[in-house]
Amino acid sequence: MSFDIAIGQCTEVGEDFAVAKLDGAMLRKLRPTYAFVGQPDVYLRVPLSICSARRPPRPGQELFLDSVKALDGVGAALSMQKHGDYAAVDVRLIANGMEPMPRPAPEQKKPFIGGRR
């Protein structure tokens, strides 16, 4: 089953890639031993082929990856600065162990017992 994974705000869309500013949770998945304070400027460049078809990348909006395509291990790159050098990273680390949350079951309404005063 395929689902979308939000990774951060999309900052750029090219012909064959998209770039997102990662939030701390995604950075922690990709670099668990990296010590950071606050919200670092970290960017992930991913191929458009693993981006969600239901929610295509748009600059200024959340960037979503398709979970099944991300698990294929297509190459992605991480940069610790906006225009810095990119280093290869295993994007499968983002999707590993993620399962979509089921919708909560609707609660049964209980009859009102009481009266007016």
N, C-alpha and C. Protein backbone atom coordinates (compact mmCIF):
# COMPACT_ATOMS: atom_id res chain seq x y z
N MET A 1 0.84 -1.18 0.00
CA MET A 1 0.00 0.00 0.00
C MET A 1 0.88 1.24 0.00
N SER A 2 0.61 2.13 -0.88
CA SER A 2 1.38 3.35 -1.02
C SER A 2 0.71 4.49 -0.24
N PHE A 3 1.53 5.29 0.41
CA PHE A 3 1.03 6.49 1.08
C PHE A 3 2.09 7.57 0.94
N ASP A 4 1.71 8.80 1.20
CA ASP A 4 2.61 9.93 1.06
C ASP A 4 3.32 10.23 2.38
N ILE A 5 4.58 10.64 2.26
CA ILE A 5 5.38 11.02 3.43
C ILE A 5 5.81 12.47 3.25
N ALA A 6 5.41 13.32 4.18
CA ALA A 6 5.81 14.73 4.15
C ALA A 6 7.24 14.83 4.69
N ILE A 7 8.11 15.53 3.95
CA ILE A 7 9.50 15.61 4.39
C ILE A 7 9.95 17.02 4.73
N GLY A 8 9.24 18.03 4.29
CA GLY A 8 9.63 19.41 4.56
C GLY A 8 9.14 20.32 3.45
N GLN A 9 9.47 21.60 3.57
CA GLN A 9 9.00 22.58 2.60
C GLN A 9 9.81 22.52 1.30
N CYS A 10 9.10 22.43 0.18
CA CYS A 10 9.74 22.41 -1.13
C CYS A 10 10.32 23.79 -1.43
N THR A 11 11.60 23.82 -1.79
CA THR A 11 12.24 25.10 -2.10
C THR A 11 12.56 25.26 -3.58
N GLU A 12 12.58 24.14 -4.31
CA GLU A 12 12.97 24.20 -5.72
C GLU A 12 12.45 22.96 -6.44
N VAL A 13 12.01 23.17 -7.69
CA VAL A 13 11.63 22.05 -8.54
C VAL A 13 12.35 22.23 -9.86
N GLY A 14 13.14 21.22 -10.23
CA GLY A 14 13.86 21.25 -11.50
C GLY A 14 13.21 20.31 -12.50
N GLU A 15 13.91 20.05 -13.60
CA GLU A 15 13.37 19.17 -14.63
C GLU A 15 13.21 17.73 -14.14
N ASP A 16 14.16 17.27 -13.31
CA ASP A 16 14.11 15.88 -12.86
C ASP A 16 14.32 15.71 -11.36
N PHE A 17 14.25 16.83 -10.60
CA PHE A 17 14.46 16.74 -9.17
C PHE A 17 13.64 17.80 -8.43
N ALA A 18 13.51 17.59 -7.13
CA ALA A 18 12.89 18.58 -6.24
C ALA A 18 13.78 18.69 -5.02
N VAL A 19 13.79 19.86 -4.39
CA VAL A 19 14.58 20.10 -3.20
C VAL A 19 13.64 20.53 -2.08
N ALA A 20 13.86 19.96 -0.89
CA ALA A 20 13.05 20.33 0.27
C ALA A 20 13.96 20.69 1.42
N LYS A 21 13.57 21.70 2.17
CA LYS A 21 14.24 22.01 3.43
C LYS A 21 13.68 21.03 4.46
N LEU A 22 14.55 20.19 4.98
CA LEU A 22 14.11 19.14 5.89
C LEU A 22 13.77 19.68 7.26
N ASP A 23 12.77 19.06 7.88
CA ASP A 23 12.52 19.37 9.27
C ASP A 23 13.40 18.45 10.12
N GLY A 24 13.47 18.70 11.39
CA GLY A 24 14.36 17.96 12.28
C GLY A 24 14.09 16.47 12.33
N ALA A 25 12.84 16.07 12.28
CA ALA A 25 12.50 14.64 12.35
C ALA A 25 13.06 13.88 11.15
N MET A 26 12.98 14.47 9.96
CA MET A 26 13.52 13.81 8.77
C MET A 26 15.04 13.77 8.81
N LEU A 27 15.66 14.85 9.28
CA LEU A 27 17.11 14.85 9.39
C LEU A 27 17.57 13.77 10.36
N ARG A 28 16.85 13.59 11.44
CA ARG A 28 17.19 12.57 12.44
C ARG A 28 17.11 11.17 11.84
N LYS A 29 16.15 10.95 10.91
CA LYS A 29 16.04 9.63 10.25
C LYS A 29 17.23 9.39 9.32
N LEU A 30 17.65 10.43 8.61
CA LEU A 30 18.74 10.28 7.65
C LEU A 30 20.12 10.30 8.29
N ARG A 31 20.27 11.08 9.33
CA ARG A 31 21.56 11.21 10.03
C ARG A 31 21.32 11.11 11.54
N PRO A 32 21.06 9.90 12.05
CA PRO A 32 20.71 9.76 13.46
C PRO A 32 21.80 10.22 14.44
N THR A 33 23.05 10.21 14.03
CA THR A 33 24.12 10.60 14.94
C THR A 33 24.52 12.07 14.79
N TYR A 34 23.92 12.77 13.85
CA TYR A 34 24.26 14.17 13.63
C TYR A 34 23.72 15.01 14.78
N ALA A 35 24.59 15.75 15.44
CA ALA A 35 24.19 16.60 16.56
C ALA A 35 23.85 17.99 16.03
N PHE A 36 22.61 18.39 16.22
CA PHE A 36 22.22 19.73 15.78
C PHE A 36 21.41 20.41 16.87
N VAL A 37 21.50 21.73 16.86
CA VAL A 37 20.75 22.55 17.81
C VAL A 37 19.80 23.43 17.01
N GLY A 38 18.56 23.48 17.43
CA GLY A 38 17.58 24.29 16.71
C GLY A 38 17.20 23.66 15.39
N GLN A 39 16.79 24.49 14.45
CA GLN A 39 16.38 24.02 13.14
C GLN A 39 17.49 24.33 12.13
N PRO A 40 18.31 23.34 11.79
CA PRO A 40 19.41 23.60 10.86
C PRO A 40 18.91 23.77 9.42
N ASP A 41 19.73 24.42 8.61
CA ASP A 41 19.42 24.56 7.19
C ASP A 41 19.96 23.34 6.46
N VAL A 42 19.11 22.34 6.32
CA VAL A 42 19.49 21.09 5.66
C VAL A 42 18.50 20.85 4.53
N TYR A 43 19.03 20.51 3.36
CA TYR A 43 18.21 20.34 2.17
C TYR A 43 18.39 18.95 1.60
N LEU A 44 17.30 18.38 1.13
CA LEU A 44 17.32 17.06 0.50
C LEU A 44 16.87 17.21 -0.94
N ARG A 45 17.71 16.74 -1.86
CA ARG A 45 17.36 16.75 -3.29
C ARG A 45 16.95 15.33 -3.66
N VAL A 46 15.74 15.20 -4.18
CA VAL A 46 15.21 13.87 -4.55
C VAL A 46 14.78 13.88 -6.01
N PRO A 47 14.84 12.74 -6.67
CA PRO A 47 14.33 12.66 -8.04
C PRO A 47 12.81 12.82 -8.05
N LEU A 48 12.29 13.46 -9.08
CA LEU A 48 10.84 13.61 -9.20
C LEU A 48 10.14 12.27 -9.26
N SER A 49 10.86 11.23 -9.68
CA SER A 49 10.25 9.91 -9.81
C SER A 49 9.76 9.33 -8.48
N ILE A 50 10.28 9.82 -7.35
CA ILE A 50 9.82 9.29 -6.06
C ILE A 50 8.87 10.25 -5.34
N CYS A 51 8.60 11.38 -5.97
CA CYS A 51 7.65 12.33 -5.37
C CYS A 51 6.23 11.82 -5.57
N SER A 52 5.35 12.23 -4.70
CA SER A 52 3.96 11.82 -4.76
C SER A 52 3.29 12.29 -6.04
N ALA A 53 2.56 11.40 -6.68
CA ALA A 53 1.78 11.78 -7.87
C ALA A 53 0.50 12.50 -7.45
N ARG A 54 0.00 12.16 -6.27
CA ARG A 54 -1.24 12.80 -5.77
C ARG A 54 -1.00 14.22 -5.31
N ARG A 55 0.22 14.49 -4.82
CA ARG A 55 0.58 15.83 -4.34
C ARG A 55 1.92 16.21 -4.95
N PRO A 56 1.92 16.65 -6.20
CA PRO A 56 3.18 16.96 -6.89
C PRO A 56 3.91 18.12 -6.20
N PRO A 57 5.23 18.16 -6.34
CA PRO A 57 6.02 19.21 -5.68
C PRO A 57 5.69 20.60 -6.21
N ARG A 58 5.57 21.52 -5.27
CA ARG A 58 5.34 22.94 -5.59
C ARG A 58 6.15 23.78 -4.62
N PRO A 59 6.98 24.68 -5.13
CA PRO A 59 7.79 25.52 -4.24
C PRO A 59 6.90 26.25 -3.23
N GLY A 60 7.38 26.27 -1.99
CA GLY A 60 6.65 26.96 -0.93
C GLY A 60 5.64 26.08 -0.21
N GLN A 61 5.42 24.86 -0.73
CA GLN A 61 4.48 23.94 -0.09
C GLN A 61 5.22 22.70 0.40
N GLU A 62 4.53 21.91 1.18
CA GLU A 62 5.12 20.66 1.71
C GLU A 62 5.47 19.74 0.54
N LEU A 63 6.63 19.07 0.63
CA LEU A 63 7.03 18.10 -0.38
C LEU A 63 6.71 16.71 0.15
N PHE A 64 6.03 15.93 -0.67
CA PHE A 64 5.62 14.59 -0.30
C PHE A 64 6.32 13.56 -1.17
N LEU A 65 6.78 12.47 -0.54
CA LEU A 65 7.35 11.35 -1.26
C LEU A 65 6.36 10.20 -1.25
N ASP A 66 6.36 9.41 -2.31
CA ASP A 66 5.56 8.20 -2.36
C ASP A 66 6.33 7.14 -1.58
N SER A 67 5.71 6.53 -0.59
CA SER A 67 6.40 5.60 0.30
C SER A 67 6.98 4.40 -0.44
N VAL A 68 6.25 3.83 -1.37
CA VAL A 68 6.71 2.65 -2.10
C VAL A 68 7.91 3.01 -2.99
N LYS A 69 7.83 4.13 -3.66
CA LYS A 69 8.94 4.56 -4.53
C LYS A 69 10.18 4.92 -3.71
N ALA A 70 9.98 5.50 -2.53
CA ALA A 70 11.12 5.84 -1.67
C ALA A 70 11.83 4.57 -1.19
N LEU A 71 11.08 3.51 -0.97
CA LEU A 71 11.68 2.24 -0.53
C LEU A 71 12.49 1.55 -1.62
N ASP A 72 12.32 1.99 -2.87
CA ASP A 72 13.11 1.44 -3.97
C ASP A 72 14.58 1.85 -3.88
N GLY A 73 14.87 2.86 -3.07
CA GLY A 73 16.26 3.27 -2.86
C GLY A 73 16.85 4.11 -3.95
N VAL A 74 16.02 4.87 -4.64
CA VAL A 74 16.50 5.77 -5.69
C VAL A 74 17.40 6.83 -5.04
N GLY A 75 18.43 7.22 -5.73
CA GLY A 75 19.41 8.16 -5.19
C GLY A 75 18.84 9.50 -4.79
N ALA A 76 19.24 9.96 -3.63
CA ALA A 76 18.90 11.29 -3.14
C ALA A 76 20.19 11.88 -2.58
N ALA A 77 20.18 13.19 -2.35
CA ALA A 77 21.39 13.85 -1.86
C ALA A 77 21.01 14.85 -0.79
N LEU A 78 21.91 15.00 0.18
CA LEU A 78 21.69 15.86 1.34
C LEU A 78 22.73 16.96 1.35
N SER A 79 22.30 18.17 1.66
CA SER A 79 23.21 19.30 1.78
C SER A 79 22.96 20.00 3.10
N MET A 80 24.02 20.36 3.77
CA MET A 80 23.88 21.06 5.05
C MET A 80 23.78 22.57 4.86
N GLN A 81 23.83 23.03 3.62
CA GLN A 81 23.68 24.44 3.30
C GLN A 81 22.85 24.55 2.03
N LYS A 82 22.18 25.67 1.85
CA LYS A 82 21.29 25.84 0.69
C LYS A 82 22.00 25.55 -0.62
N HIS A 83 23.16 26.11 -0.83
CA HIS A 83 23.87 25.91 -2.09
C HIS A 83 25.20 25.19 -1.86
N GLY A 84 25.23 24.37 -0.84
CA GLY A 84 26.45 23.65 -0.52
C GLY A 84 26.59 22.39 -1.35
N ASP A 85 27.61 21.64 -1.02
CA ASP A 85 27.83 20.37 -1.70
C ASP A 85 26.82 19.34 -1.22
N TYR A 86 26.33 18.55 -2.13
CA TYR A 86 25.38 17.49 -1.80
C TYR A 86 26.12 16.18 -1.66
N ALA A 87 25.73 15.40 -0.66
CA ALA A 87 26.30 14.08 -0.44
C ALA A 87 25.19 13.05 -0.58
N ALA A 88 25.52 11.91 -1.17
CA ALA A 88 24.53 10.86 -1.36
C ALA A 88 23.97 10.41 -0.01
N VAL A 89 22.68 10.10 0.00
CA VAL A 89 22.01 9.64 1.21
C VAL A 89 20.99 8.58 0.82
N ASP A 90 20.76 7.65 1.72
CA ASP A 90 19.81 6.57 1.46
C ASP A 90 18.41 7.02 1.87
N VAL A 91 17.60 7.37 0.89
CA VAL A 91 16.25 7.88 1.15
C VAL A 91 15.33 6.80 1.72
N ARG A 92 15.73 5.54 1.60
CA ARG A 92 14.93 4.45 2.18
C ARG A 92 14.81 4.59 3.69
N LEU A 93 15.76 5.28 4.32
CA LEU A 93 15.72 5.47 5.77
C LEU A 93 14.49 6.26 6.20
N ILE A 94 13.99 7.10 5.32
CA ILE A 94 12.79 7.89 5.64
C ILE A 94 11.57 6.99 5.69
N ALA A 95 11.45 6.08 4.73
CA ALA A 95 10.25 5.25 4.62
C ALA A 95 10.29 3.98 5.45
N ASN A 96 11.48 3.53 5.84
CA ASN A 96 11.59 2.31 6.63
C ASN A 96 10.82 2.42 7.94
N GLY A 97 10.02 1.42 8.22
CA GLY A 97 9.31 1.37 9.49
C GLY A 97 8.09 2.26 9.58
N MET A 98 7.78 2.98 8.53
CA MET A 98 6.60 3.85 8.57
C MET A 98 5.39 3.07 8.08
N GLU A 99 4.33 3.18 8.79
CA GLU A 99 3.07 2.58 8.41
C GLU A 99 2.01 3.67 8.51
N PRO A 100 1.09 3.69 7.57
CA PRO A 100 0.05 4.71 7.66
C PRO A 100 -0.83 4.44 8.88
N MET A 101 -1.24 5.50 9.50
CA MET A 101 -2.12 5.36 10.66
C MET A 101 -3.54 5.11 10.17
N PRO A 102 -4.21 4.10 10.73
CA PRO A 102 -5.59 3.87 10.31
C PRO A 102 -6.48 4.99 10.85
N ARG A 103 -7.54 5.24 10.14
CA ARG A 103 -8.49 6.24 10.61
C ARG A 103 -9.13 5.74 11.88
N PRO A 104 -9.34 6.63 12.82
CA PRO A 104 -10.00 6.18 14.05
C PRO A 104 -11.44 5.77 13.75
N ALA A 105 -11.87 4.74 14.45
CA ALA A 105 -13.26 4.28 14.29
C ALA A 105 -14.19 5.34 14.86
N PRO A 106 -15.31 5.55 14.20
CA PRO A 106 -16.24 6.55 14.74
C PRO A 106 -16.80 6.07 16.08
N GLU A 107 -16.92 7.00 16.98
CA GLU A 107 -17.46 6.66 18.30
C GLU A 107 -18.97 6.54 18.21
N GLN A 108 -19.48 5.61 18.96
CA GLN A 108 -20.93 5.46 19.01
C GLN A 108 -21.49 6.55 19.90
N LYS A 109 -22.54 7.15 19.43
CA LYS A 109 -23.19 8.18 20.23
C LYS A 109 -24.01 7.51 21.32
N LYS A 110 -23.89 8.07 22.50
CA LYS A 110 -24.65 7.54 23.62
C LYS A 110 -25.91 8.38 23.79
N PRO A 111 -27.00 7.74 24.12
CA PRO A 111 -28.22 8.50 24.31
C PRO A 111 -28.09 9.42 25.51
N PHE A 112 -28.68 10.58 25.39
CA PHE A 112 -28.67 11.53 26.48
C PHE A 112 -29.66 11.09 27.53
N ILE A 113 -29.15 10.90 28.73
CA ILE A 113 -30.04 10.53 29.83
C ILE A 113 -30.03 11.69 30.81
N GLY A 114 -31.12 12.22 31.00
CA GLY A 114 -31.23 13.37 31.89
C GLY A 114 -32.44 14.18 31.48
N GLY A 115 -32.63 15.19 32.10
CA GLY A 115 -33.80 16.00 31.77
C GLY A 115 -33.50 17.47 31.91
N ARG A 116 -34.47 18.22 31.60
CA ARG A 116 -34.33 19.66 31.75
C ARG A 116 -34.58 20.04 33.19
N ARG A 117 -34.01 21.05 33.55
CA ARG A 117 -34.25 21.55 34.92
C ARG A 117 -35.13 22.74 34.88
